[in-house]
Amino acid sequence: MEAQALAATDRARALEIFAAVATAGSFSGAGRSLGLTPSAVGRTVDRIEARLGVRLLLRTTRTLTLTAEGQAYLGAARRILADLDDAEQAIADQGAPRGRLRVSAALSHGRLCVVPLLGAFVQRHPHILVDISLTDAVVDIAGGQADVGIRFGPLTDSPLTARKLGETRRVIVASPDYLARHGTPKVPKDLLRHNCLGFNFRRAEPIWPFRHDGEDYVLSVHGSIEANNGETLGQLAVAGVGVTRVGAFSVLDDIATGRLVPLLEDYNPGDVEVINAVFVGGTNTPARVRAFVDFLAERLR
């Protein structure tokens, strides 16, 4: 029995070491994070591969790359380690949410809307450590890369649970200086002669939606700059570079102060994006995840 318990402990430690290698991209980096020598880390990975009979890592003198089997093993390792952590915390917390909460949010929305709320959240839940990453890349929640992701727009089919946090209007804006130099578009087709700044992750040929006399249609627009977040596009519009269409939350202050002017509102088709929190749901959802999602739903609505 004692030998079985020791084997289970070694197995959990091996999972932790492998996950650290994948995160750090090297044996030495994983060793530094865990207080081990690179050779000890390498031996652990060798033992895992020998036990499984498959190659998990492709190793060169410069890089480590996960094989397909390595990716699958990493996802399982992260889930198992998270479950172990949750089990220990469930015993220790006596009802108070605690532990590390990994949050992934979009650059603009995260900086402007989520980060300002974190102080109030940790005041309410002092035993939770919030680990937030702002990126417009879609992280793998199911694979254990984060506990909660904040997503915009339609969601793809997945086993994740989604909870609506709110929605944001999209608005077309330009600066008074730009409009003085290039004229104010009166109808959507006027945009065809304007520099329309767009997102680089939407589609190769951006299309903006409009509504006229109850009929919806789209217009293909073009411009000289694309960016991966609305805050950058808003800054470019304030600087007089062009016209852009972004989430209203990212330009509210600029509109209120007159640095930006909303355009073609009579043709706006009720252009909104739903904002959701996505996470691994079910009866075993950690209390810290439920607490954070409840808090966001309360504050962002």
C-alpha atoms as a PDB file:
ATOM      1  CA  MET A   1       0.000   0.000   0.000  1.00  0.00           C
ATOM      2  CA  GLU A   2       2.827   2.382   0.915  1.00  0.00           C
ATOM      3  CA  ALA A   3       4.564   1.575  -2.395  1.00  0.00           C
ATOM      4  CA  GLN A   4       1.348   2.341  -4.293  1.00  0.00           C
ATOM      5  CA  ALA A   5       0.989   5.687  -2.525  1.00  0.00           C
ATOM      6  CA  LEU A   6       4.619   6.538  -3.312  1.00  0.00           C
ATOM      7  CA  ALA A   7       4.080   5.600  -6.986  1.00  0.00           C
ATOM      8  CA  ALA A   8       1.023   7.853  -7.180  1.00  0.00           C
ATOM      9  CA  THR A   9       3.025  10.723  -5.679  1.00  0.00           C
ATOM     10  CA  ASP A  10       5.852  10.166  -8.174  1.00  0.00           C
ATOM     11  CA  ARG A  11       3.327  10.070 -11.011  1.00  0.00           C
ATOM     12  CA  ALA A  12       1.816  13.405  -9.968  1.00  0.00           C
ATOM     13  CA  ARG A  13       5.294  14.936  -9.684  1.00  0.00           C
ATOM     14  CA  ALA A  14       6.140  13.641 -13.161  1.00  0.00           C
ATOM     15  CA  LEU A  15       3.016  15.304 -14.567  1.00  0.00           C
ATOM     16  CA  GLU A  16       4.009  18.569 -12.883  1.00  0.00           C
ATOM     17  CA  ILE A  17       7.520  18.366 -14.340  1.00  0.00           C
ATOM     18  CA  PHE A  18       6.277  17.592 -17.856  1.00  0.00           C
ATOM     19  CA  ALA A  19       3.802  20.505 -17.744  1.00  0.00           C
ATOM     20  CA  ALA A  20       6.610  22.806 -16.560  1.00  0.00           C
ATOM     21  CA  VAL A  21       8.817  21.684 -19.483  1.00  0.00           C
ATOM     22  CA  ALA A  22       6.022  22.440 -21.973  1.00  0.00           C
ATOM     23  CA  THR A  23       5.448  25.868 -20.420  1.00  0.00           C
ATOM     24  CA  ALA A  24       9.137  26.836 -20.188  1.00  0.00           C
ATOM     25  CA  GLY A  25      10.168  25.276 -23.519  1.00  0.00           C
ATOM     26  CA  SER A  26      13.339  23.823 -21.991  1.00  0.00           C
ATOM     27  CA  PHE A  27      14.596  21.466 -19.304  1.00  0.00           C
ATOM     28  CA  SER A  28      16.627  24.236 -17.697  1.00  0.00           C
ATOM     29  CA  GLY A  29      13.656  26.607 -17.533  1.00  0.00           C
ATOM     30  CA  ALA A  30      11.461  23.914 -16.002  1.00  0.00           C
ATOM     31  CA  GLY A  31      14.217  23.072 -13.545  1.00  0.00           C
ATOM     32  CA  ARG A  32      14.512  26.689 -12.406  1.00  0.00           C
ATOM     33  CA  SER A  33      10.765  26.928 -11.787  1.00  0.00           C
ATOM     34  CA  LEU A  34      10.708  23.669  -9.803  1.00  0.00           C
ATOM     35  CA  GLY A  35      14.084  23.793  -8.057  1.00  0.00           C
ATOM     36  CA  LEU A  36      15.494  20.829 -10.011  1.00  0.00           C
ATOM     37  CA  THR A  37      18.547  20.307 -12.192  1.00  0.00           C
ATOM     38  CA  PRO A  38      18.029  20.056 -15.970  1.00  0.00           C
ATOM     39  CA  SER A  39      19.322  16.478 -15.887  1.00  0.00           C
ATOM     40  CA  ALA A  40      16.720  15.507 -13.268  1.00  0.00           C
ATOM     41  CA  VAL A  41      13.997  17.031 -15.420  1.00  0.00           C
ATOM     42  CA  GLY A  42      15.299  15.196 -18.500  1.00  0.00           C
ATOM     43  CA  ARG A  43      15.378  11.861 -16.665  1.00  0.00           C
ATOM     44  CA  THR A  44      11.779  12.320 -15.583  1.00  0.00           C
ATOM     45  CA  VAL A  45      10.654  12.962 -19.158  1.00  0.00           C
ATOM     46  CA  ASP A  46      12.650   9.926 -20.317  1.00  0.00           C
ATOM     47  CA  ARG A  47      10.862   7.738 -17.762  1.00  0.00           C
ATOM     48  CA  ILE A  48       7.441   9.022 -18.866  1.00  0.00           C
ATOM     49  CA  GLU A  49       8.242   8.293 -22.523  1.00  0.00           C
ATOM     50  CA  ALA A  50       9.593   4.842 -21.648  1.00  0.00           C
ATOM     51  CA  ARG A  51       6.484   3.989 -19.647  1.00  0.00           C
ATOM     52  CA  LEU A  52       4.146   5.161 -22.419  1.00  0.00           C
ATOM     53  CA  GLY A  53       6.234   3.792 -25.275  1.00  0.00           C
ATOM     54  CA  VAL A  54       5.844   6.999 -27.335  1.00  0.00           C
ATOM     55  CA  ARG A  55       7.876  10.113 -28.039  1.00  0.00           C
ATOM     56  CA  LEU A  56       6.368  13.178 -26.312  1.00  0.00           C
ATOM     57  CA  LEU A  57       9.055  15.718 -27.195  1.00  0.00           C
ATOM     58  CA  LEU A  58      11.191  16.359 -30.256  1.00  0.00           C
ATOM     59  CA  ARG A  59      14.523  17.662 -28.976  1.00  0.00           C
ATOM     60  CA  THR A  60      17.195  19.672 -30.752  1.00  0.00           C
ATOM     61  CA  THR A  61      20.129  21.581 -29.307  1.00  0.00           C
ATOM     62  CA  ARG A  62      17.998  24.734 -29.326  1.00  0.00           C
ATOM     63  CA  THR A  63      14.327  23.835 -28.938  1.00  0.00           C
ATOM     64  CA  LEU A  64      11.842  21.351 -27.552  1.00  0.00           C
ATOM     65  CA  THR A  65       8.699  20.685 -29.591  1.00  0.00           C
ATOM     66  CA  LEU A  66       5.690  18.687 -28.455  1.00  0.00           C
ATOM     67  CA  THR A  67       4.610  15.790 -30.649  1.00  0.00           C
ATOM     68  CA  ALA A  68       0.901  15.109 -31.194  1.00  0.00           C
ATOM     69  CA  GLU A  69       1.096  12.587 -28.359  1.00  0.00           C
ATOM     70  CA  GLY A  70       2.894  15.182 -26.258  1.00  0.00           C
ATOM     71  CA  GLN A  71       0.100  17.710 -26.825  1.00  0.00           C
ATOM     72  CA  ALA A  72      -2.509  15.168 -25.765  1.00  0.00           C
ATOM     73  CA  TYR A  73      -0.482  14.193 -22.696  1.00  0.00           C
ATOM     74  CA  LEU A  74       0.013  17.845 -21.763  1.00  0.00           C
ATOM     75  CA  GLY A  75      -3.727  18.526 -21.876  1.00  0.00           C
ATOM     76  CA  ALA A  76      -4.390  15.498 -19.675  1.00  0.00           C
ATOM     77  CA  ALA A  77      -1.577  16.465 -17.300  1.00  0.00           C
ATOM     78  CA  ARG A  78      -2.924  19.977 -16.831  1.00  0.00           C
ATOM     79  CA  ARG A  79      -6.444  18.710 -16.179  1.00  0.00           C
ATOM     80  CA  ILE A  80      -5.224  16.139 -13.647  1.00  0.00           C
ATOM     81  CA  LEU A  81      -3.044  18.682 -11.834  1.00  0.00           C
ATOM     82  CA  ALA A  82      -5.931  21.150 -11.748  1.00  0.00           C
ATOM     83  CA  ASP A  83      -8.211  18.444 -10.322  1.00  0.00           C
ATOM     84  CA  LEU A  84      -5.645  17.605  -7.644  1.00  0.00           C
ATOM     85  CA  ASP A  85      -5.299  21.260  -6.760  1.00  0.00           C
ATOM     86  CA  ASP A  86      -9.075  21.675  -6.614  1.00  0.00           C
ATOM     87  CA  ALA A  87      -9.468  18.579  -4.433  1.00  0.00           C
ATOM     88  CA  GLU A  88      -6.893  19.826  -1.932  1.00  0.00           C
ATOM     89  CA  GLN A  89      -8.399  23.307  -1.901  1.00  0.00           C
ATOM     90  CA  ALA A  90     -11.931  21.940  -1.453  1.00  0.00           C
ATOM     91  CA  ILE A  91     -10.743  20.198   1.702  1.00  0.00           C
ATOM     92  CA  ALA A  92      -8.788  23.196   2.960  1.00  0.00           C
ATOM     93  CA  ASP A  93     -10.998  26.128   2.091  1.00  0.00           C
ATOM     94  CA  GLN A  94     -14.039  25.252   4.209  1.00  0.00           C
ATOM     95  CA  GLY A  95     -16.311  27.066   1.804  1.00  0.00           C
ATOM     96  CA  ALA A  96     -14.115  30.102   1.054  1.00  0.00           C
ATOM     97  CA  PRO A  97     -12.994  30.286  -2.610  1.00  0.00           C
ATOM     98  CA  ARG A  98      -9.223  30.244  -2.848  1.00  0.00           C
ATOM     99  CA  GLY A  99      -6.318  29.369  -5.105  1.00  0.00           C
ATOM    100  CA  ARG A 100      -4.866  30.622  -8.378  1.00  0.00           C
ATOM    101  CA  LEU A 101      -7.441  31.772 -10.945  1.00  0.00           C
ATOM    102  CA  ARG A 102      -6.099  32.029 -14.503  1.00  0.00           C
ATOM    103  CA  VAL A 103      -8.091  34.490 -16.608  1.00  0.00           C
ATOM    104  CA  SER A 104      -7.721  35.213 -20.333  1.00  0.00           C
ATOM    105  CA  ALA A 105      -9.268  38.430 -21.678  1.00  0.00           C
ATOM    106  CA  ALA A 106      -9.048  40.412 -24.907  1.00  0.00           C
ATOM    107  CA  LEU A 107      -6.545  43.277 -24.956  1.00  0.00           C
ATOM    108  CA  SER A 108      -8.873  46.271 -25.121  1.00  0.00           C
ATOM    109  CA  HIS A 109     -11.812  44.903 -23.157  1.00  0.00           C
ATOM    110  CA  GLY A 110      -9.494  43.438 -20.556  1.00  0.00           C
ATOM    111  CA  ARG A 111      -7.572  46.661 -20.005  1.00  0.00           C
ATOM    112  CA  LEU A 112     -10.587  48.965 -20.050  1.00  0.00           C
ATOM    113  CA  CYS A 113     -13.339  46.855 -18.477  1.00  0.00           C
ATOM    114  CA  VAL A 114     -11.962  43.806 -16.632  1.00  0.00           C
ATOM    115  CA  VAL A 115      -8.717  44.983 -15.030  1.00  0.00           C
ATOM    116  CA  PRO A 116     -10.418  47.969 -13.275  1.00  0.00           C
ATOM    117  CA  LEU A 117     -12.716  45.463 -11.497  1.00  0.00           C
ATOM    118  CA  LEU A 118      -9.979  43.197 -10.138  1.00  0.00           C
ATOM    119  CA  GLY A 119      -9.251  45.284  -7.039  1.00  0.00           C
ATOM    120  CA  ALA A 120     -12.861  44.976  -5.879  1.00  0.00           C
ATOM    121  CA  PHE A 121     -12.866  41.260  -6.668  1.00  0.00           C
ATOM    122  CA  VAL A 122      -9.779  40.396  -4.617  1.00  0.00           C
ATOM    123  CA  GLN A 123     -11.109  42.550  -1.784  1.00  0.00           C
ATOM    124  CA  ARG A 124     -14.223  40.404  -1.784  1.00  0.00           C
ATOM    125  CA  HIS A 125     -12.227  37.157  -2.190  1.00  0.00           C
ATOM    126  CA  PRO A 126      -8.848  37.703  -0.506  1.00  0.00           C
ATOM    127  CA  HIS A 127      -7.831  34.032  -0.782  1.00  0.00           C
ATOM    128  CA  ILE A 128      -7.966  34.019  -4.604  1.00  0.00           C
ATOM    129  CA  LEU A 129      -4.835  34.871  -6.583  1.00  0.00           C
ATOM    130  CA  VAL A 130      -5.873  36.308  -9.965  1.00  0.00           C
ATOM    131  CA  ASP A 131      -3.450  35.457 -12.786  1.00  0.00           C
ATOM    132  CA  ILE A 132      -4.694  37.494 -15.783  1.00  0.00           C
ATOM    133  CA  SER A 133      -3.344  37.472 -19.346  1.00  0.00           C
ATOM    134  CA  LEU A 134      -4.531  39.999 -21.933  1.00  0.00           C
ATOM    135  CA  THR A 135      -4.389  38.620 -25.458  1.00  0.00           C
ATOM    136  CA  ASP A 136      -6.597  38.464 -28.514  1.00  0.00           C
ATOM    137  CA  ALA A 137      -5.403  34.903 -29.154  1.00  0.00           C
ATOM    138  CA  VAL A 138      -7.976  32.234 -28.266  1.00  0.00           C
ATOM    139  CA  VAL A 139      -6.520  30.137 -25.462  1.00  0.00           C
ATOM    140  CA  ASP A 140      -7.478  26.505 -24.909  1.00  0.00           C
ATOM    141  CA  ILE A 141      -9.664  26.488 -21.795  1.00  0.00           C
ATOM    142  CA  ALA A 142     -10.533  22.790 -22.092  1.00  0.00           C
ATOM    143  CA  GLY A 143      -6.830  21.996 -22.469  1.00  0.00           C
ATOM    144  CA  GLY A 144      -6.022  23.721 -19.187  1.00  0.00           C
ATOM    145  CA  GLN A 145      -4.364  26.915 -20.480  1.00  0.00           C
ATOM    146  CA  ALA A 146      -6.736  29.098 -18.432  1.00  0.00           C
ATOM    147  CA  ASP A 147      -9.650  28.708 -16.033  1.00  0.00           C
ATOM    148  CA  VAL A 148     -11.875  31.437 -17.483  1.00  0.00           C
ATOM    149  CA  GLY A 149     -11.854  33.029 -20.932  1.00  0.00           C
ATOM    150  CA  ILE A 150     -13.813  36.156 -21.877  1.00  0.00           C
ATOM    151  CA  ARG A 151     -14.983  35.831 -25.474  1.00  0.00           C
ATOM    152  CA  PHE A 152     -16.738  38.127 -27.939  1.00  0.00           C
ATOM    153  CA  GLY A 153     -19.274  37.158 -30.587  1.00  0.00           C
ATOM    154  CA  PRO A 154     -20.716  33.751 -31.532  1.00  0.00           C
ATOM    155  CA  LEU A 155     -19.143  30.755 -29.810  1.00  0.00           C
ATOM    156  CA  THR A 156     -18.100  27.573 -31.559  1.00  0.00           C
ATOM    157  CA  ASP A 157     -19.503  24.240 -30.388  1.00  0.00           C
ATOM    158  CA  SER A 158     -17.457  22.936 -27.472  1.00  0.00           C
ATOM    159  CA  PRO A 159     -17.866  21.131 -24.144  1.00  0.00           C
ATOM    160  CA  LEU A 160     -17.266  24.401 -22.290  1.00  0.00           C
ATOM    161  CA  THR A 161     -19.916  26.221 -20.282  1.00  0.00           C
ATOM    162  CA  ALA A 162     -20.703  29.789 -21.370  1.00  0.00           C
ATOM    163  CA  ARG A 163     -22.341  32.518 -19.329  1.00  0.00           C
ATOM    164  CA  LYS A 164     -23.420  35.787 -20.869  1.00  0.00           C
ATOM    165  CA  LEU A 165     -21.789  38.788 -19.228  1.00  0.00           C
ATOM    166  CA  GLY A 166     -23.319  41.444 -21.429  1.00  0.00           C
ATOM    167  CA  GLU A 167     -23.007  42.858 -24.904  1.00  0.00           C
ATOM    168  CA  THR A 168     -21.375  45.810 -26.588  1.00  0.00           C
ATOM    169  CA  ARG A 169     -22.525  48.011 -29.444  1.00  0.00           C
ATOM    170  CA  ARG A 170     -20.209  48.524 -32.358  1.00  0.00           C
ATOM    171  CA  VAL A 171     -19.889  52.069 -33.627  1.00  0.00           C
ATOM    172  CA  ILE A 172     -18.286  53.747 -36.652  1.00  0.00           C
ATOM    173  CA  VAL A 173     -16.176  56.762 -35.686  1.00  0.00           C
ATOM    174  CA  ALA A 174     -13.705  59.297 -37.034  1.00  0.00           C
ATOM    175  CA  SER A 175     -12.022  62.407 -35.655  1.00  0.00           C
ATOM    176  CA  PRO A 176     -13.277  65.929 -36.430  1.00  0.00           C
ATOM    177  CA  ASP A 177      -9.890  66.653 -38.034  1.00  0.00           C
ATOM    178  CA  TYR A 178     -10.189  63.682 -40.402  1.00  0.00           C
ATOM    179  CA  LEU A 179     -13.759  64.634 -41.336  1.00  0.00           C
ATOM    180  CA  ALA A 180     -12.726  68.256 -41.974  1.00  0.00           C
ATOM    181  CA  ARG A 181     -10.052  67.040 -44.397  1.00  0.00           C
ATOM    182  CA  HIS A 182     -11.965  64.255 -46.117  1.00  0.00           C
ATOM    183  CA  GLY A 183     -15.636  65.058 -45.638  1.00  0.00           C
ATOM    184  CA  THR A 184     -18.300  63.360 -43.531  1.00  0.00           C
ATOM    185  CA  PRO A 185     -19.887  60.217 -45.001  1.00  0.00           C
ATOM    186  CA  LYS A 186     -23.641  60.715 -45.266  1.00  0.00           C
ATOM    187  CA  VAL A 187     -24.573  57.231 -46.496  1.00  0.00           C
ATOM    188  CA  PRO A 188     -22.645  53.945 -46.138  1.00  0.00           C
ATOM    189  CA  LYS A 189     -21.421  53.857 -49.746  1.00  0.00           C
ATOM    190  CA  ASP A 190     -19.536  57.106 -49.067  1.00  0.00           C
ATOM    191  CA  LEU A 191     -17.111  54.955 -47.042  1.00  0.00           C
ATOM    192  CA  LEU A 192     -15.743  53.540 -50.285  1.00  0.00           C
ATOM    193  CA  ARG A 193     -13.711  56.728 -50.709  1.00  0.00           C
ATOM    194  CA  HIS A 194     -12.502  56.791 -47.097  1.00  0.00           C
ATOM    195  CA  ASN A 195      -9.594  55.105 -45.304  1.00  0.00           C
ATOM    196  CA  CYS A 196     -11.439  52.442 -43.266  1.00  0.00           C
ATOM    197  CA  LEU A 197      -9.265  50.936 -40.542  1.00  0.00           C
ATOM    198  CA  GLY A 198     -10.120  47.345 -39.640  1.00  0.00           C
ATOM    199  CA  PHE A 199      -9.230  44.262 -37.624  1.00  0.00           C
ATOM    200  CA  ASN A 200      -6.574  41.868 -38.874  1.00  0.00           C
ATOM    201  CA  PHE A 201      -8.214  38.754 -37.411  1.00  0.00           C
ATOM    202  CA  ARG A 202     -11.668  39.076 -38.924  1.00  0.00           C
ATOM    203  CA  ARG A 203     -11.354  38.299 -42.629  1.00  0.00           C
ATOM    204  CA  ALA A 204      -9.154  39.250 -45.564  1.00  0.00           C
ATOM    205  CA  GLU A 205     -11.837  41.550 -46.993  1.00  0.00           C
ATOM    206  CA  PRO A 206     -13.569  43.356 -44.098  1.00  0.00           C
ATOM    207  CA  ILE A 207     -17.311  43.900 -44.367  1.00  0.00           C
ATOM    208  CA  TRP A 208     -19.337  46.328 -42.258  1.00  0.00           C
ATOM    209  CA  PRO A 209     -23.091  45.741 -41.723  1.00  0.00           C
ATOM    210  CA  PHE A 210     -25.788  48.353 -42.332  1.00  0.00           C
ATOM    211  CA  ARG A 211     -29.590  48.624 -42.421  1.00  0.00           C
ATOM    212  CA  HIS A 212     -31.705  50.816 -44.702  1.00  0.00           C
ATOM    213  CA  ASP A 213     -35.514  50.835 -44.892  1.00  0.00           C
ATOM    214  CA  GLY A 214     -35.619  47.671 -42.794  1.00  0.00           C
ATOM    215  CA  GLU A 215     -33.230  45.710 -45.020  1.00  0.00           C
ATOM    216  CA  ASP A 216     -29.825  44.554 -43.817  1.00  0.00           C
ATOM    217  CA  TYR A 217     -26.799  44.515 -46.093  1.00  0.00           C
ATOM    218  CA  VAL A 218     -23.005  44.633 -45.864  1.00  0.00           C
ATOM    219  CA  LEU A 219     -20.403  46.869 -47.460  1.00  0.00           C
ATOM    220  CA  SER A 220     -16.853  45.808 -48.269  1.00  0.00           C
ATOM    221  CA  VAL A 221     -14.440  48.497 -47.072  1.00  0.00           C
ATOM    222  CA  HIS A 222     -10.690  48.990 -47.332  1.00  0.00           C
ATOM    223  CA  GLY A 223      -7.997  50.923 -45.538  1.00  0.00           C
ATOM    224  CA  SER A 224      -4.286  51.362 -44.978  1.00  0.00           C
ATOM    225  CA  ILE A 225      -3.975  49.867 -41.464  1.00  0.00           C
ATOM    226  CA  GLU A 226      -5.289  46.785 -39.677  1.00  0.00           C
ATOM    227  CA  ALA A 227      -4.855  45.982 -35.967  1.00  0.00           C
ATOM    228  CA  ASN A 228      -5.714  43.210 -33.552  1.00  0.00           C
ATOM    229  CA  ASN A 229      -7.649  45.311 -31.019  1.00  0.00           C
ATOM    230  CA  GLY A 230     -10.198  48.108 -30.951  1.00  0.00           C
ATOM    231  CA  GLU A 231      -8.202  50.348 -28.638  1.00  0.00           C
ATOM    232  CA  THR A 232      -5.419  50.657 -31.217  1.00  0.00           C
ATOM    233  CA  LEU A 233      -7.931  51.389 -33.977  1.00  0.00           C
ATOM    234  CA  GLY A 234      -9.550  54.017 -31.791  1.00  0.00           C
ATOM    235  CA  GLN A 235      -6.178  55.683 -31.183  1.00  0.00           C
ATOM    236  CA  LEU A 236      -5.519  55.761 -34.913  1.00  0.00           C
ATOM    237  CA  ALA A 237      -8.931  57.305 -35.526  1.00  0.00           C
ATOM    238  CA  VAL A 238      -8.290  59.975 -32.869  1.00  0.00           C
ATOM    239  CA  ALA A 239      -5.010  60.746 -34.642  1.00  0.00           C
ATOM    240  CA  GLY A 240      -6.958  61.455 -37.840  1.00  0.00           C
ATOM    241  CA  VAL A 241      -5.692  58.441 -39.781  1.00  0.00           C
ATOM    242  CA  GLY A 242      -9.099  57.167 -40.891  1.00  0.00           C
ATOM    243  CA  VAL A 243     -12.565  55.839 -40.083  1.00  0.00           C
ATOM    244  CA  THR A 244     -12.990  52.726 -37.947  1.00  0.00           C
ATOM    245  CA  ARG A 245     -15.708  50.438 -36.556  1.00  0.00           C
ATOM    246  CA  VAL A 246     -15.051  49.225 -33.008  1.00  0.00           C
ATOM    247  CA  GLY A 247     -16.751  48.207 -29.784  1.00  0.00           C
ATOM    248  CA  ALA A 248     -18.269  51.295 -28.195  1.00  0.00           C
ATOM    249  CA  PHE A 249     -16.641  50.508 -24.828  1.00  0.00           C
ATOM    250  CA  SER A 250     -13.196  51.215 -26.294  1.00  0.00           C
ATOM    251  CA  VAL A 251     -14.040  54.752 -27.523  1.00  0.00           C
ATOM    252  CA  LEU A 252     -16.660  56.024 -25.040  1.00  0.00           C
ATOM    253  CA  ASP A 253     -14.314  58.585 -23.500  1.00  0.00           C
ATOM    254  CA  ASP A 254     -13.163  59.809 -26.904  1.00  0.00           C
ATOM    255  CA  ILE A 255     -16.772  60.279 -28.038  1.00  0.00           C
ATOM    256  CA  ALA A 256     -17.708  62.034 -24.792  1.00  0.00           C
ATOM    257  CA  THR A 257     -14.820  64.502 -25.142  1.00  0.00           C
ATOM    258  CA  GLY A 258     -15.397  65.105 -28.858  1.00  0.00           C
ATOM    259  CA  ARG A 259     -12.143  63.519 -30.003  1.00  0.00           C
ATOM    260  CA  LEU A 260     -14.241  61.092 -32.051  1.00  0.00           C
ATOM    261  CA  VAL A 261     -17.578  61.522 -33.801  1.00  0.00           C
ATOM    262  CA  PRO A 262     -20.065  58.640 -34.337  1.00  0.00           C
ATOM    263  CA  LEU A 263     -20.997  58.203 -38.001  1.00  0.00           C
ATOM    264  CA  LEU A 264     -23.923  56.699 -39.921  1.00  0.00           C
ATOM    265  CA  GLU A 265     -25.913  55.887 -36.778  1.00  0.00           C
ATOM    266  CA  ASP A 266     -29.167  55.981 -38.781  1.00  0.00           C
ATOM    267  CA  TYR A 267     -27.832  52.995 -40.721  1.00  0.00           C
ATOM    268  CA  ASN A 268     -26.643  51.015 -37.684  1.00  0.00           C
ATOM    269  CA  PRO A 269     -28.418  47.610 -37.764  1.00  0.00           C
ATOM    270  CA  GLY A 270     -28.289  47.151 -33.988  1.00  0.00           C
ATOM    271  CA  ASP A 271     -24.688  46.048 -34.442  1.00  0.00           C
ATOM    272  CA  VAL A 272     -23.798  44.300 -31.171  1.00  0.00           C
ATOM    273  CA  GLU A 273     -21.482  41.559 -29.959  1.00  0.00           C
ATOM    274  CA  VAL A 274     -22.357  39.292 -27.053  1.00  0.00           C
ATOM    275  CA  ILE A 275     -19.688  38.940 -24.331  1.00  0.00           C
ATOM    276  CA  ASN A 276     -19.435  35.529 -22.641  1.00  0.00           C
ATOM    277  CA  ALA A 277     -17.329  33.959 -19.935  1.00  0.00           C
ATOM    278  CA  VAL A 278     -16.370  30.410 -20.901  1.00  0.00           C
ATOM    279  CA  PHE A 279     -15.079  27.788 -18.481  1.00  0.00           C
ATOM    280  CA  VAL A 280     -15.185  24.083 -17.702  1.00  0.00           C
ATOM    281  CA  GLY A 281     -18.571  23.689 -16.016  1.00  0.00           C
ATOM    282  CA  GLY A 282     -20.213  20.928 -14.026  1.00  0.00           C
ATOM    283  CA  THR A 283     -20.466  19.957 -10.394  1.00  0.00           C
ATOM    284  CA  ASN A 284     -16.693  20.064  -9.969  1.00  0.00           C
ATOM    285  CA  THR A 285     -16.259  23.649 -11.174  1.00  0.00           C
ATOM    286  CA  PRO A 286     -13.898  25.272  -8.640  1.00  0.00           C
ATOM    287  CA  ALA A 287     -15.484  27.768  -6.282  1.00  0.00           C
ATOM    288  CA  ARG A 288     -13.003  30.442  -7.390  1.00  0.00           C
ATOM    289  CA  VAL A 289     -14.211  30.115 -11.005  1.00  0.00           C
ATOM    290  CA  ARG A 290     -17.879  30.367  -9.998  1.00  0.00           C
ATOM    291  CA  ALA A 291     -17.100  33.362  -7.790  1.00  0.00           C
ATOM    292  CA  PHE A 292     -15.277  35.215 -10.571  1.00  0.00           C
ATOM    293  CA  VAL A 293     -17.902  34.553 -13.242  1.00  0.00           C
ATOM    294  CA  ASP A 294     -20.680  35.628 -10.848  1.00  0.00           C
ATOM    295  CA  PHE A 295     -18.738  38.804 -10.072  1.00  0.00           C
ATOM    296  CA  LEU A 296     -18.222  39.677 -13.752  1.00  0.00           C
ATOM    297  CA  ALA A 297     -21.882  39.023 -14.552  1.00  0.00           C
ATOM    298  CA  GLU A 298     -22.859  41.330 -11.696  1.00  0.00           C
ATOM    299  CA  ARG A 299     -20.497  44.165 -12.637  1.00  0.00           C
ATOM    300  CA  LEU A 300     -20.372  44.046 -16.453  1.00  0.00           C
ATOM    301  CA  ARG A 301     -24.112  43.928 -17.086  1.00  0.00           C
END
